[in-house]
């Protein structure tokens, strides 16, 4: 096979792979966790002294494999204009759903990826 044919073949193959559309990670919706086992009672954590420019995110029970595992609280950098909603478990029927901690721009409690008006703090 000539060098030119090899080059054309390689370009066609790479072009074919480049045409495949892959979803962007920033647009992917978070995975929702639903289990039938209730989380243990919340652990008491001593909140450290406040740090300028940071927000304390309390610990929570996460589900790993087949059991609940405690994830200790931590400091996260503040995001001006956003409200942080910590992790929390919610019971729906017989199942428990973990609402993961997240930042919300307008503070309405609706995740921005599900909000029709994610930046409107005056909406009902």
PDB file of N, CA and C in Angstrom:
ATOM      1  N   UNK A   1       0.855  -1.167   0.000  1.00  0.00           N
ATOM      2  CA  UNK A   1       0.000   0.000   0.000  1.00  0.00           C
ATOM      3  C   UNK A   1       0.903   1.233   0.000  1.00  0.00           C
ATOM      4  N   UNK A   2       0.557   2.175  -0.816  1.00  0.00           N
ATOM      5  CA  UNK A   2       1.380   3.379  -0.916  1.00  0.00           C
ATOM      6  C   UNK A   2       1.205   4.253   0.323  1.00  0.00           C
ATOM      7  N   UNK A   3       2.183   5.112   0.517  1.00  0.00           N
ATOM      8  CA  UNK A   3       2.161   6.015   1.670  1.00  0.00           C
ATOM      9  C   UNK A   3       0.937   6.923   1.623  1.00  0.00           C
ATOM     10  N   UNK A   4       0.569   7.349   0.452  1.00  0.00           N
ATOM     11  CA  UNK A   4      -0.585   8.245   0.306  1.00  0.00           C
ATOM     12  C   UNK A   4      -1.871   7.528   0.703  1.00  0.00           C
ATOM     13  N   UNK A   5      -2.048   6.272   0.282  1.00  0.00           N
ATOM     14  CA  UNK A   5      -3.248   5.511   0.629  1.00  0.00           C
ATOM     15  C   UNK A   5      -3.307   5.267   2.138  1.00  0.00           C
ATOM     16  N   UNK A   6      -2.151   5.000   2.752  1.00  0.00           N
ATOM     17  CA  UNK A   6      -2.117   4.801   4.194  1.00  0.00           C
ATOM     18  C   UNK A   6      -2.550   6.066   4.928  1.00  0.00           C
ATOM     19  N   UNK A   7      -2.039   7.201   4.450  1.00  0.00           N
ATOM     20  CA  UNK A   7      -2.372   8.476   5.070  1.00  0.00           C
ATOM     21  C   UNK A   7      -3.868   8.759   4.936  1.00  0.00           C
ATOM     22  N   UNK A   8      -4.424   8.513   3.761  1.00  0.00           N
ATOM     23  CA  UNK A   8      -5.858   8.745   3.534  1.00  0.00           C
ATOM     24  C   UNK A   8      -6.672   7.813   4.437  1.00  0.00           C
ATOM     25  N   UNK A   9      -6.251   6.560   4.575  1.00  0.00           N
ATOM     26  CA  UNK A   9      -6.959   5.605   5.436  1.00  0.00           C
ATOM     27  C   UNK A   9      -6.949   6.062   6.887  1.00  0.00           C
ATOM     28  N   UNK A  10      -5.791   6.497   7.369  1.00  0.00           N
ATOM     29  CA  UNK A  10      -5.675   6.967   8.749  1.00  0.00           C
ATOM     30  C   UNK A  10      -6.555   8.190   8.966  1.00  0.00           C
ATOM     31  N   UNK A  11      -6.556   9.123   8.027  1.00  0.00           N
ATOM     32  CA  UNK A  11      -7.380  10.325   8.152  1.00  0.00           C
ATOM     33  C   UNK A  11      -8.865   9.989   8.154  1.00  0.00           C
ATOM     34  N   UNK A  12      -9.270   9.034   7.352  1.00  0.00           N
ATOM     35  CA  UNK A  12     -10.686   8.639   7.305  1.00  0.00           C
ATOM     36  C   UNK A  12     -11.103   7.990   8.623  1.00  0.00           C
ATOM     37  N   UNK A  13     -10.232   7.156   9.181  1.00  0.00           N
ATOM     38  CA  UNK A  13     -10.560   6.480  10.439  1.00  0.00           C
ATOM     39  C   UNK A  13     -10.649   7.490  11.577  1.00  0.00           C
ATOM     40  N   UNK A  14      -9.660   8.378  11.671  1.00  0.00           N
ATOM     41  CA  UNK A  14      -9.695   9.370  12.747  1.00  0.00           C
ATOM     42  C   UNK A  14     -10.861  10.331  12.569  1.00  0.00           C
ATOM     43  N   UNK A  15     -11.195  10.655  11.346  1.00  0.00           N
ATOM     44  CA  UNK A  15     -12.352  11.516  11.089  1.00  0.00           C
ATOM     45  C   UNK A  15     -13.645  10.851  11.501  1.00  0.00           C
ATOM     46  N   UNK A  16     -13.745   9.537  11.282  1.00  0.00           N
ATOM     47  CA  UNK A  16     -14.954   8.802  11.670  1.00  0.00           C
ATOM     48  C   UNK A  16     -15.109   8.819  13.189  1.00  0.00           C
ATOM     49  N   UNK A  17     -14.008   8.620  13.917  1.00  0.00           N
ATOM     50  CA  UNK A  17     -14.090   8.652  15.373  1.00  0.00           C
ATOM     51  C   UNK A  17     -14.365  10.057  15.888  1.00  0.00           C
ATOM     52  N   UNK A  18     -13.872  11.051  15.210  1.00  0.00           N
ATOM     53  CA  UNK A  18     -14.105  12.433  15.621  1.00  0.00           C
ATOM     54  C   UNK A  18     -15.542  12.854  15.425  1.00  0.00           C
ATOM     55  N   UNK A  19     -16.274  12.167  14.541  1.00  0.00           N
ATOM     56  CA  UNK A  19     -17.663  12.519  14.261  1.00  0.00           C
ATOM     57  C   UNK A  19     -18.627  11.965  15.298  1.00  0.00           C
ATOM     58  N   UNK A  20     -18.158  11.067  16.148  1.00  0.00           N
ATOM     59  CA  UNK A  20     -19.020  10.501  17.168  1.00  0.00           C
ATOM     60  C   UNK A  20     -19.241  11.551  18.259  1.00  0.00           C
ATOM     61  N   UNK A  21     -20.486  11.831  18.540  1.00  0.00           N
ATOM     62  CA  UNK A  21     -20.801  12.842  19.553  1.00  0.00           C
ATOM     63  C   UNK A  21     -20.846  12.183  20.929  1.00  0.00           C
ATOM     64  N   UNK A  22     -20.051  12.686  21.835  1.00  0.00           N
ATOM     65  CA  UNK A  22     -20.045  12.191  23.198  1.00  0.00           C
ATOM     66  C   UNK A  22     -20.655  13.253  24.108  1.00  0.00           C
ATOM     67  N   UNK A  23     -21.430  12.832  25.121  1.00  0.00           N
ATOM     68  CA  UNK A  23     -22.024  13.827  26.021  1.00  0.00           C
ATOM     69  C   UNK A  23     -20.949  14.509  26.848  1.00  0.00           C
ATOM     70  N   UNK A  24     -21.166  15.788  27.130  1.00  0.00           N
ATOM     71  CA  UNK A  24     -20.234  16.532  27.974  1.00  0.00           C
ATOM     72  C   UNK A  24     -20.527  16.199  29.433  1.00  0.00           C
ATOM     73  N   UNK A  25     -19.480  16.093  30.223  1.00  0.00           N
ATOM     74  CA  UNK A  25     -19.660  15.757  31.631  1.00  0.00           C
ATOM     75  C   UNK A  25     -20.450  16.834  32.371  1.00  0.00           C
ATOM     76  N   UNK A  26     -20.292  18.089  31.992  1.00  0.00           N
ATOM     77  CA  UNK A  26     -20.971  19.158  32.707  1.00  0.00           C
ATOM     78  C   UNK A  26     -22.476  19.142  32.470  1.00  0.00           C
ATOM     79  N   UNK A  27     -22.927  18.483  31.400  1.00  0.00           N
ATOM     80  CA  UNK A  27     -24.350  18.446  31.107  1.00  0.00           C
ATOM     81  C   UNK A  27     -25.021  17.188  31.631  1.00  0.00           C
ATOM     82  N   UNK A  28     -24.259  16.233  32.091  1.00  0.00           N
ATOM     83  CA  UNK A  28     -24.829  14.985  32.561  1.00  0.00           C
ATOM     84  C   UNK A  28     -25.538  15.203  33.894  1.00  0.00           C
ATOM     85  N   UNK A  29     -26.723  14.624  34.015  1.00  0.00           N
ATOM     86  CA  UNK A  29     -27.475  14.728  35.255  1.00  0.00           C
ATOM     87  C   UNK A  29     -26.855  13.799  36.298  1.00  0.00           C
ATOM     88  N   UNK A  30     -26.882  14.191  37.571  1.00  0.00           N
ATOM     89  CA  UNK A  30     -26.313  13.329  38.590  1.00  0.00           C
ATOM     90  C   UNK A  30     -27.076  12.014  38.698  1.00  0.00           C
ATOM     91  N   UNK A  31     -26.367  10.967  39.057  1.00  0.00           N
ATOM     92  CA  UNK A  31     -26.987   9.668  39.222  1.00  0.00           C
ATOM     93  C   UNK A  31     -27.787   9.673  40.512  1.00  0.00           C
ATOM     94  N   UNK A  32     -29.029   9.234  40.441  1.00  0.00           N
ATOM     95  CA  UNK A  32     -29.875   9.212  41.625  1.00  0.00           C
ATOM     96  C   UNK A  32     -29.756   7.855  42.296  1.00  0.00           C
ATOM     97  N   UNK A  33     -29.580   7.862  43.601  1.00  0.00           N
ATOM     98  CA  UNK A  33     -29.419   6.646  44.376  1.00  0.00           C
ATOM     99  C   UNK A  33     -30.711   6.352  45.110  1.00  0.00           C
ATOM    100  N   UNK A  34     -31.234   5.130  44.953  1.00  0.00           N
ATOM    101  CA  UNK A  34     -32.472   4.726  45.599  1.00  0.00           C
ATOM    102  C   UNK A  34     -32.266   3.330  46.189  1.00  0.00           C
ATOM    103  N   UNK A  35     -32.463   3.204  47.512  1.00  0.00           N
ATOM    104  CA  UNK A  35     -32.290   1.919  48.183  1.00  0.00           C
ATOM    105  C   UNK A  35     -33.451   1.681  49.137  1.00  0.00           C
ATOM    106  N   UNK A  36     -33.573   0.454  49.627  1.00  0.00           N
ATOM    107  CA  UNK A  36     -34.665   0.136  50.557  1.00  0.00           C
ATOM    108  C   UNK A  36     -34.210   0.122  52.010  1.00  0.00           C
ATOM    109  N   UNK A  37     -32.939   0.420  52.272  1.00  0.00           N
ATOM    110  CA  UNK A  37     -32.386   0.409  53.628  1.00  0.00           C
ATOM    111  C   UNK A  37     -32.277   1.840  54.142  1.00  0.00           C
ATOM    112  N   UNK A  38     -32.919   2.112  55.277  1.00  0.00           N
ATOM    113  CA  UNK A  38     -32.870   3.464  55.856  1.00  0.00           C
ATOM    114  C   UNK A  38     -31.462   3.774  56.355  1.00  0.00           C
ATOM    115  N   UNK A  39     -31.045   5.027  56.249  1.00  0.00           N
ATOM    116  CA  UNK A  39     -29.719   5.388  56.775  1.00  0.00           C
ATOM    117  C   UNK A  39     -29.738   5.374  58.306  1.00  0.00           C
ATOM    118  N   UNK A  40     -28.579   5.124  58.927  1.00  0.00           N
ATOM    119  CA  UNK A  40     -28.495   5.193  60.395  1.00  0.00           C
ATOM    120  C   UNK A  40     -28.752   6.623  60.877  1.00  0.00           C
ATOM    121  N   UNK A  41     -28.933   6.799  62.178  1.00  0.00           N
ATOM    122  CA  UNK A  41     -29.112   8.162  62.708  1.00  0.00           C
ATOM    123  C   UNK A  41     -27.897   9.025  62.373  1.00  0.00           C
ATOM    124  N   UNK A  42     -28.144  10.300  62.178  1.00  0.00           N
ATOM    125  CA  UNK A  42     -27.073  11.233  61.834  1.00  0.00           C
ATOM    126  C   UNK A  42     -26.063  11.313  62.973  1.00  0.00           C
ATOM    127  N   UNK A  43     -24.783  11.340  62.638  1.00  0.00           N
ATOM    128  CA  UNK A  43     -23.734  11.466  63.651  1.00  0.00           C
ATOM    129  C   UNK A  43     -23.547  12.930  64.026  1.00  0.00           C
ATOM    130  N   UNK A  44     -23.225  13.144  65.278  1.00  0.00           N
ATOM    131  CA  UNK A  44     -22.929  14.511  65.720  1.00  0.00           C
ATOM    132  C   UNK A  44     -21.476  14.815  65.372  1.00  0.00           C
ATOM    133  N   UNK A  45     -21.262  15.932  64.729  1.00  0.00           N
ATOM    134  CA  UNK A  45     -19.918  16.369  64.376  1.00  0.00           C
ATOM    135  C   UNK A  45     -19.645  17.715  65.037  1.00  0.00           C
ATOM    136  N   UNK A  46     -18.454  17.865  65.531  1.00  0.00           N
ATOM    137  CA  UNK A  46     -18.044  19.160  66.069  1.00  0.00           C
ATOM    138  C   UNK A  46     -17.597  20.003  64.886  1.00  0.00           C
ATOM    139  N   UNK A  47     -18.272  21.127  64.693  1.00  0.00           N
ATOM    140  CA  UNK A  47     -17.935  22.012  63.572  1.00  0.00           C
ATOM    141  C   UNK A  47     -16.709  22.833  63.952  1.00  0.00           C
ATOM    142  N   UNK A  48     -15.659  22.744  63.143  1.00  0.00           N
ATOM    143  CA  UNK A  48     -14.453  23.520  63.450  1.00  0.00           C
ATOM    144  C   UNK A  48     -14.705  25.026  63.361  1.00  0.00           C
ATOM    145  N   UNK A  49     -13.760  25.791  63.863  1.00  0.00           N
ATOM    146  CA  UNK A  49     -13.831  27.249  63.806  1.00  0.00           C
ATOM    147  C   UNK A  49     -13.942  27.672  62.343  1.00  0.00           C
ATOM    148  N   UNK A  50     -14.785  28.667  62.091  1.00  0.00           N
ATOM    149  CA  UNK A  50     -15.034  29.134  60.717  1.00  0.00           C
ATOM    150  C   UNK A  50     -13.742  29.549  60.011  1.00  0.00           C
ATOM    151  N   UNK A  51     -13.699  29.279  58.718  1.00  0.00           N
ATOM    152  CA  UNK A  51     -12.563  29.683  57.888  1.00  0.00           C
ATOM    153  C   UNK A  51     -13.046  30.695  56.865  1.00  0.00           C
ATOM    154  N   UNK A  52     -12.359  31.786  56.738  1.00  0.00           N
ATOM    155  CA  UNK A  52     -12.741  32.838  55.801  1.00  0.00           C
ATOM    156  C   UNK A  52     -12.704  32.297  54.375  1.00  0.00           C
ATOM    157  N   UNK A  53     -13.809  32.532  53.637  1.00  0.00           N
ATOM    158  CA  UNK A  53     -13.890  32.105  52.240  1.00  0.00           C
ATOM    159  C   UNK A  53     -14.290  30.657  52.059  1.00  0.00           C
ATOM    160  N   UNK A  54     -14.618  29.966  53.152  1.00  0.00           N
ATOM    161  CA  UNK A  54     -14.996  28.555  53.081  1.00  0.00           C
ATOM    162  C   UNK A  54     -16.316  28.317  53.798  1.00  0.00           C
ATOM    163  N   UNK A  55     -16.977  27.242  53.435  1.00  0.00           N
ATOM    164  CA  UNK A  55     -18.249  26.844  54.023  1.00  0.00           C
ATOM    165  C   UNK A  55     -18.094  25.426  54.551  1.00  0.00           C
ATOM    166  N   UNK A  56     -18.579  25.183  55.768  1.00  0.00           N
ATOM    167  CA  UNK A  56     -18.524  23.837  56.326  1.00  0.00           C
ATOM    168  C   UNK A  56     -19.678  23.018  55.765  1.00  0.00           C
ATOM    169  N   UNK A  57     -19.360  21.879  55.152  1.00  0.00           N
ATOM    170  CA  UNK A  57     -20.359  20.950  54.636  1.00  0.00           C
ATOM    171  C   UNK A  57     -20.408  19.784  55.613  1.00  0.00           C
ATOM    172  N   UNK A  58     -21.554  19.562  56.268  1.00  0.00           N
ATOM    173  CA  UNK A  58     -21.627  18.507  57.274  1.00  0.00           C
ATOM    174  C   UNK A  58     -21.493  17.115  56.671  1.00  0.00           C
ATOM    175  N   UNK A  59     -21.108  16.162  57.538  1.00  0.00           N
ATOM    176  CA  UNK A  59     -20.987  14.774  57.098  1.00  0.00           C
ATOM    177  C   UNK A  59     -22.349  14.161  56.798  1.00  0.00           C
ATOM    178  N   UNK A  60     -22.335  12.992  56.182  1.00  0.00           N
ATOM    179  CA  UNK A  60     -23.575  12.307  55.809  1.00  0.00           C
ATOM    180  C   UNK A  60     -23.298  10.814  55.637  1.00  0.00           C
ATOM    181  N   UNK A  61     -24.353  10.035  55.632  1.00  0.00           N
ATOM    182  CA  UNK A  61     -24.235   8.610  55.361  1.00  0.00           C
ATOM    183  C   UNK A  61     -24.339   8.389  53.856  1.00  0.00           C
ATOM    184  N   UNK A  62     -23.319   7.790  53.277  1.00  0.00           N
ATOM    185  CA  UNK A  62     -23.316   7.446  51.850  1.00  0.00           C
ATOM    186  C   UNK A  62     -23.584   5.949  51.729  1.00  0.00           C
ATOM    187  N   UNK A  63     -24.020   5.509  50.584  1.00  0.00           N
ATOM    188  CA  UNK A  63     -24.263   4.092  50.335  1.00  0.00           C
ATOM    189  C   UNK A  63     -23.144   3.565  49.447  1.00  0.00           C
ATOM    190  N   UNK A  64     -22.381   2.602  49.962  1.00  0.00           N
ATOM    191  CA  UNK A  64     -21.289   2.001  49.188  1.00  0.00           C
ATOM    192  C   UNK A  64     -21.452   0.496  49.212  1.00  0.00           C
ATOM    193  N   UNK A  65     -21.621  -0.059  48.048  1.00  0.00           N
ATOM    194  CA  UNK A  65     -21.772  -1.513  47.960  1.00  0.00           C
ATOM    195  C   UNK A  65     -23.096  -1.944  48.532  1.00  0.00           C
ATOM    196  N   UNK A  66     -23.047  -2.484  49.743  1.00  0.00           N
ATOM    197  CA  UNK A  66     -24.268  -2.993  50.363  1.00  0.00           C
ATOM    198  C   UNK A  66     -24.456  -2.471  51.774  1.00  0.00           C
ATOM    199  N   UNK A  67     -23.859  -1.285  52.059  1.00  0.00           N
ATOM    200  CA  UNK A  67     -23.988  -0.758  53.408  1.00  0.00           C
ATOM    201  C   UNK A  67     -23.792   0.755  53.414  1.00  0.00           C
ATOM    202  N   UNK A  68     -24.222   1.370  54.510  1.00  0.00           N
ATOM    203  CA  UNK A  68     -24.011   2.802  54.706  1.00  0.00           C
ATOM    204  C   UNK A  68     -22.618   3.036  55.259  1.00  0.00           C
ATOM    205  N   UNK A  69     -21.960   4.077  54.768  1.00  0.00           N
ATOM    206  CA  UNK A  69     -20.623   4.453  55.217  1.00  0.00           C
ATOM    207  C   UNK A  69     -20.649   5.944  55.526  1.00  0.00           C
ATOM    208  N   UNK A  70     -20.110   6.315  56.698  1.00  0.00           N
ATOM    209  CA  UNK A  70     -20.093   7.723  57.093  1.00  0.00           C
ATOM    210  C   UNK A  70     -19.022   8.479  56.310  1.00  0.00           C
ATOM    211  N   UNK A  71     -19.408   9.623  55.761  1.00  0.00           N
ATOM    212  CA  UNK A  71     -18.479  10.524  55.093  1.00  0.00           C
ATOM    213  C   UNK A  71     -18.386  11.767  55.975  1.00  0.00           C
ATOM    214  N   UNK A  72     -17.206  12.033  56.478  1.00  0.00           N
ATOM    215  CA  UNK A  72     -17.013  13.143  57.415  1.00  0.00           C
ATOM    216  C   UNK A  72     -17.220  14.496  56.734  1.00  0.00           C
ATOM    217  N   UNK A  73     -17.620  15.475  57.520  1.00  0.00           N
ATOM    218  CA  UNK A  73     -17.790  16.829  57.018  1.00  0.00           C
ATOM    219  C   UNK A  73     -16.461  17.408  56.539  1.00  0.00           C
ATOM    220  N   UNK A  74     -16.560  18.444  55.734  1.00  0.00           N
ATOM    221  CA  UNK A  74     -15.352  19.039  55.161  1.00  0.00           C
ATOM    222  C   UNK A  74     -15.605  20.508  54.819  1.00  0.00           C
ATOM    223  N   UNK A  75     -14.527  21.224  54.585  1.00  0.00           N
ATOM    224  CA  UNK A  75     -14.614  22.616  54.144  1.00  0.00           C
ATOM    225  C   UNK A  75     -14.633  22.653  52.623  1.00  0.00           C
ATOM    226  N   UNK A  76     -15.499  23.503  52.057  1.00  0.00           N
ATOM    227  CA  UNK A  76     -15.501  23.741  50.606  1.00  0.00           C
ATOM    228  C   UNK A  76     -15.407  25.250  50.386  1.00  0.00           C
ATOM    229  N   UNK A  77     -14.777  25.622  49.291  1.00  0.00           N
ATOM    230  CA  UNK A  77     -14.627  27.041  48.982  1.00  0.00           C
ATOM    231  C   UNK A  77     -15.991  27.651  48.667  1.00  0.00           C
ATOM    232  N   UNK A  78     -16.248  28.822  49.240  1.00  0.00           N
ATOM    233  CA  UNK A  78     -17.510  29.540  48.992  1.00  0.00           C
ATOM    234  C   UNK A  78     -17.662  29.873  47.518  1.00  0.00           C
ATOM    235  N   UNK A  79     -18.903  29.935  47.083  1.00  0.00           N
ATOM    236  CA  UNK A  79     -19.215  30.389  45.730  1.00  0.00           C
ATOM    237  C   UNK A  79     -20.204  31.538  45.876  1.00  0.00           C
ATOM    238  N   UNK A  80     -19.727  32.734  45.656  1.00  0.00           N
ATOM    239  CA  UNK A  80     -20.589  33.914  45.807  1.00  0.00           C
ATOM    240  C   UNK A  80     -21.780  33.827  44.855  1.00  0.00           C
ATOM    241  N   UNK A  81     -22.955  34.166  45.391  1.00  0.00           N
ATOM    242  CA  UNK A  81     -24.178  34.141  44.597  1.00  0.00           C
ATOM    243  C   UNK A  81     -24.847  32.778  44.574  1.00  0.00           C
ATOM    244  N   UNK A  82     -24.295  31.792  45.280  1.00  0.00           N
ATOM    245  CA  UNK A  82     -24.867  30.448  45.322  1.00  0.00           C
ATOM    246  C   UNK A  82     -25.231  30.079  46.754  1.00  0.00           C
ATOM    247  N   UNK A  83     -26.170  29.156  46.874  1.00  0.00           N
ATOM    248  CA  UNK A  83     -26.563  28.592  48.165  1.00  0.00           C
ATOM    249  C   UNK A  83     -26.219  27.110  48.109  1.00  0.00           C
ATOM    250  N   UNK A  84     -25.620  26.587  49.185  1.00  0.00           N
ATOM    251  CA  UNK A  84     -25.269  25.171  49.212  1.00  0.00           C
ATOM    252  C   UNK A  84     -26.362  24.381  49.921  1.00  0.00           C
ATOM    253  N   UNK A  85     -26.801  23.290  49.297  1.00  0.00           N
ATOM    254  CA  UNK A  85     -27.757  22.361  49.892  1.00  0.00           C
ATOM    255  C   UNK A  85     -26.992  21.087  50.219  1.00  0.00           C
ATOM    256  N   UNK A  86     -26.871  20.743  51.515  1.00  0.00           N
ATOM    257  CA  UNK A  86     -26.084  19.566  51.884  1.00  0.00           C
ATOM    258  C   UNK A  86     -26.765  18.257  51.486  1.00  0.00           C
ATOM    259  N   UNK A  87     -25.985  17.165  51.528  1.00  0.00           N
ATOM    260  CA  UNK A  87     -26.517  15.830  51.258  1.00  0.00           C
ATOM    261  C   UNK A  87     -27.639  15.538  52.247  1.00  0.00           C
ATOM    262  N   UNK A  88     -28.669  14.870  51.777  1.00  0.00           N
ATOM    263  CA  UNK A  88     -29.735  14.459  52.703  1.00  0.00           C
ATOM    264  C   UNK A  88     -30.497  13.283  52.110  1.00  0.00           C
ATOM    265  N   UNK A  89     -30.940  12.420  52.992  1.00  0.00           N
ATOM    266  CA  UNK A  89     -31.747  11.270  52.596  1.00  0.00           C
ATOM    267  C   UNK A  89     -33.213  11.645  52.673  1.00  0.00           C
ATOM    268  N   UNK A  90     -33.989  11.150  51.716  1.00  0.00           N
ATOM    269  CA  UNK A  90     -35.421  11.435  51.657  1.00  0.00           C
ATOM    270  C   UNK A  90     -36.155  10.123  51.417  1.00  0.00           C
ATOM    271  N   UNK A  91     -37.196   9.862  52.208  1.00  0.00           N
ATOM    272  CA  UNK A  91     -37.961   8.644  52.015  1.00  0.00           C
ATOM    273  C   UNK A  91     -39.102   8.903  51.042  1.00  0.00           C
ATOM    274  N   UNK A  92     -39.200   8.022  50.049  1.00  0.00           N
ATOM    275  CA  UNK A  92     -40.292   8.076  49.062  1.00  0.00           C
ATOM    276  C   UNK A  92     -40.900   6.687  48.991  1.00  0.00           C
ATOM    277  N   UNK A  93     -42.054   6.543  49.596  1.00  0.00           N
ATOM    278  CA  UNK A  93     -42.672   5.212  49.651  1.00  0.00           C
ATOM    279  C   UNK A  93     -41.821   4.294  50.524  1.00  0.00           C
ATOM    280  N   UNK A  94     -41.443   3.139  49.985  1.00  0.00           N
ATOM    281  CA  UNK A  94     -40.623   2.179  50.732  1.00  0.00           C
ATOM    282  C   UNK A  94     -39.131   2.381  50.502  1.00  0.00           C
ATOM    283  N   UNK A  95     -38.750   3.301  49.639  1.00  0.00           N
ATOM    284  CA  UNK A  95     -37.340   3.498  49.305  1.00  0.00           C
ATOM    285  C   UNK A  95     -36.779   4.785  49.883  1.00  0.00           C
ATOM    286  N   UNK A  96     -35.456   4.814  49.988  1.00  0.00           N
ATOM    287  CA  UNK A  96     -34.721   5.987  50.454  1.00  0.00           C
ATOM    288  C   UNK A  96     -33.896   6.513  49.296  1.00  0.00           C
ATOM    289  N   UNK A  97     -33.934   7.821  49.090  1.00  0.00           N
ATOM    290  CA  UNK A  97     -33.212   8.475  48.001  1.00  0.00           C
ATOM    291  C   UNK A  97     -32.196   9.451  48.590  1.00  0.00           C
ATOM    292  N   UNK A  98     -30.982   9.401  48.066  1.00  0.00           N
ATOM    293  CA  UNK A  98     -29.945  10.329  48.514  1.00  0.00           C
ATOM    294  C   UNK A  98     -29.918  11.528  47.580  1.00  0.00           C
ATOM    295  N   UNK A  99     -30.236  12.689  48.131  1.00  0.00           N
ATOM    296  CA  UNK A  99     -30.095  13.940  47.389  1.00  0.00           C
ATOM    297  C   UNK A  99     -28.692  14.443  47.670  1.00  0.00           C
ATOM    298  N   UNK A 100     -27.842  14.401  46.673  1.00  0.00           N
ATOM    299  CA  UNK A 100     -26.442  14.775  46.843  1.00  0.00           C
ATOM    300  C   UNK A 100     -26.300  16.272  47.089  1.00  0.00           C
ATOM    301  N   UNK A 101     -25.281  16.645  47.845  1.00  0.00           N
ATOM    302  CA  UNK A 101     -25.013  18.050  48.105  1.00  0.00           C
ATOM    303  C   UNK A 101     -24.733  18.782  46.804  1.00  0.00           C
ATOM    304  N   UNK A 102     -25.192  20.028  46.727  1.00  0.00           N
ATOM    305  CA  UNK A 102     -25.028  20.773  45.474  1.00  0.00           C
ATOM    306  C   UNK A 102     -25.154  22.263  45.727  1.00  0.00           C
ATOM    307  N   UNK A 103     -24.637  23.014  44.781  1.00  0.00           N
ATOM    308  CA  UNK A 103     -24.765  24.466  44.791  1.00  0.00           C
ATOM    309  C   UNK A 103     -25.982  24.841  43.963  1.00  0.00           C
ATOM    310  N   UNK A 104     -26.714  25.852  44.414  1.00  0.00           N
ATOM    311  CA  UNK A 104     -27.909  26.326  43.714  1.00  0.00           C
ATOM    312  C   UNK A 104     -27.780  27.836  43.555  1.00  0.00           C
ATOM    313  N   UNK A 105     -27.879  28.302  42.321  1.00  0.00           N
ATOM    314  CA  UNK A 105     -27.666  29.720  42.057  1.00  0.00           C
ATOM    315  C   UNK A 105     -28.776  30.612  42.613  1.00  0.00           C
ATOM    316  N   UNK A 106     -30.039  30.205  42.479  1.00  0.00           N
ATOM    317  CA  UNK A 106     -31.116  31.097  42.917  1.00  0.00           C
ATOM    318  C   UNK A 106     -31.703  30.732  44.279  1.00  0.00           C
ATOM    319  N   UNK A 107     -31.212  29.675  44.915  1.00  0.00           N
ATOM    320  CA  UNK A 107     -31.633  29.344  46.274  1.00  0.00           C
ATOM    321  C   UNK A 107     -33.042  28.819  46.417  1.00  0.00           C
ATOM    322  N   UNK A 108     -33.645  28.349  45.318  1.00  0.00           N
ATOM    323  CA  UNK A 108     -35.021  27.858  45.404  1.00  0.00           C
ATOM    324  C   UNK A 108     -35.103  26.380  45.778  1.00  0.00           C
ATOM    325  N   UNK A 109     -33.970  25.701  45.871  1.00  0.00           N
ATOM    326  CA  UNK A 109     -33.968  24.295  46.253  1.00  0.00           C
ATOM    327  C   UNK A 109     -34.136  23.332  45.105  1.00  0.00           C
ATOM    328  N   UNK A 110     -34.394  23.837  43.908  1.00  0.00           N
ATOM    329  CA  UNK A 110     -34.537  22.980  42.734  1.00  0.00           C
ATOM    330  C   UNK A 110     -33.171  22.886  42.058  1.00  0.00           C
ATOM    331  N   UNK A 111     -32.679  21.655  41.811  1.00  0.00           N
ATOM    332  CA  UNK A 111     -31.374  21.542  41.140  1.00  0.00           C
ATOM    333  C   UNK A 111     -31.391  22.290  39.815  1.00  0.00           C
ATOM    334  N   UNK A 112     -30.322  23.023  39.530  1.00  0.00           N
ATOM    335  CA  UNK A 112     -30.282  23.848  38.320  1.00  0.00           C
ATOM    336  C   UNK A 112     -30.523  23.040  37.044  1.00  0.00           C
ATOM    337  N   UNK A 113     -30.097  21.769  37.001  1.00  0.00           N
ATOM    338  CA  UNK A 113     -30.300  20.982  35.783  1.00  0.00           C
ATOM    339  C   UNK A 113     -31.768  20.602  35.581  1.00  0.00           C
ATOM    340  N   UNK A 114     -32.620  20.762  36.612  1.00  0.00           N
ATOM    341  CA  UNK A 114     -34.057  20.479  36.484  1.00  0.00           C
ATOM    342  C   UNK A 114     -34.910  21.740  36.522  1.00  0.00           C
ATOM    343  N   UNK A 115     -34.290  22.867  36.749  1.00  0.00           N
ATOM    344  CA  UNK A 115     -34.990  24.133  36.942  1.00  0.00           C
ATOM    345  C   UNK A 115     -35.219  24.822  35.599  1.00  0.00           C
ATOM    346  N   UNK A 116     -36.463  25.174  35.309  1.00  0.00           N
ATOM    347  CA  UNK A 116     -36.762  25.881  34.054  1.00  0.00           C
ATOM    348  C   UNK A 116     -36.205  27.295  34.061  1.00  0.00           C
ATOM    349  N   UNK A 117     -36.106  27.883  35.242  1.00  0.00           N
ATOM    350  CA  UNK A 117     -35.564  29.243  35.389  1.00  0.00           C
ATOM    351  C   UNK A 117     -34.490  29.214  36.471  1.00  0.00           C
ATOM    352  N   UNK A 118     -33.303  28.612  36.168  1.00  0.00           N
ATOM    353  CA  UNK A 118     -32.322  28.375  37.223  1.00  0.00           C
ATOM    354  C   UNK A 118     -31.675  29.610  37.831  1.00  0.00           C
ATOM    355  N   UNK A 119     -31.825  30.753  37.237  1.00  0.00           N
ATOM    356  CA  UNK A 119     -31.152  31.940  37.784  1.00  0.00           C
ATOM    357  C   UNK A 119     -32.124  33.034  38.197  1.00  0.00           C
ATOM    358  N   UNK A 120     -33.363  32.685  38.466  1.00  0.00           N
ATOM    359  CA  UNK A 120     -34.367  33.675  38.813  1.00  0.00           C
ATOM    360  C   UNK A 120     -34.731  33.563  40.294  1.00  0.00           C
ATOM    361  N   UNK A 121     -34.167  34.413  41.155  1.00  0.00           N
ATOM    362  CA  UNK A 121     -34.460  34.315  42.578  1.00  0.00           C
ATOM    363  C   UNK A 121     -35.850  34.811  42.949  1.00  0.00           C
ATOM    364  N   UNK A 122     -36.598  35.412  42.013  1.00  0.00           N
ATOM    365  CA  UNK A 122     -37.910  35.986  42.308  1.00  0.00           C
ATOM    366  C   UNK A 122     -39.060  35.098  41.864  1.00  0.00           C
ATOM    367  N   UNK A 123     -38.777  33.950  41.300  1.00  0.00           N
ATOM    368  CA  UNK A 123     -39.871  33.104  40.822  1.00  0.00           C
ATOM    369  C   UNK A 123     -40.599  32.453  41.979  1.00  0.00           C
ATOM    370  N   UNK A 124     -41.869  32.155  41.799  1.00  0.00           N
ATOM    371  CA  UNK A 124     -42.650  31.554  42.900  1.00  0.00           C
ATOM    372  C   UNK A 124     -42.201  30.141  43.203  1.00  0.00           C
TER     373      UNK A 124
END
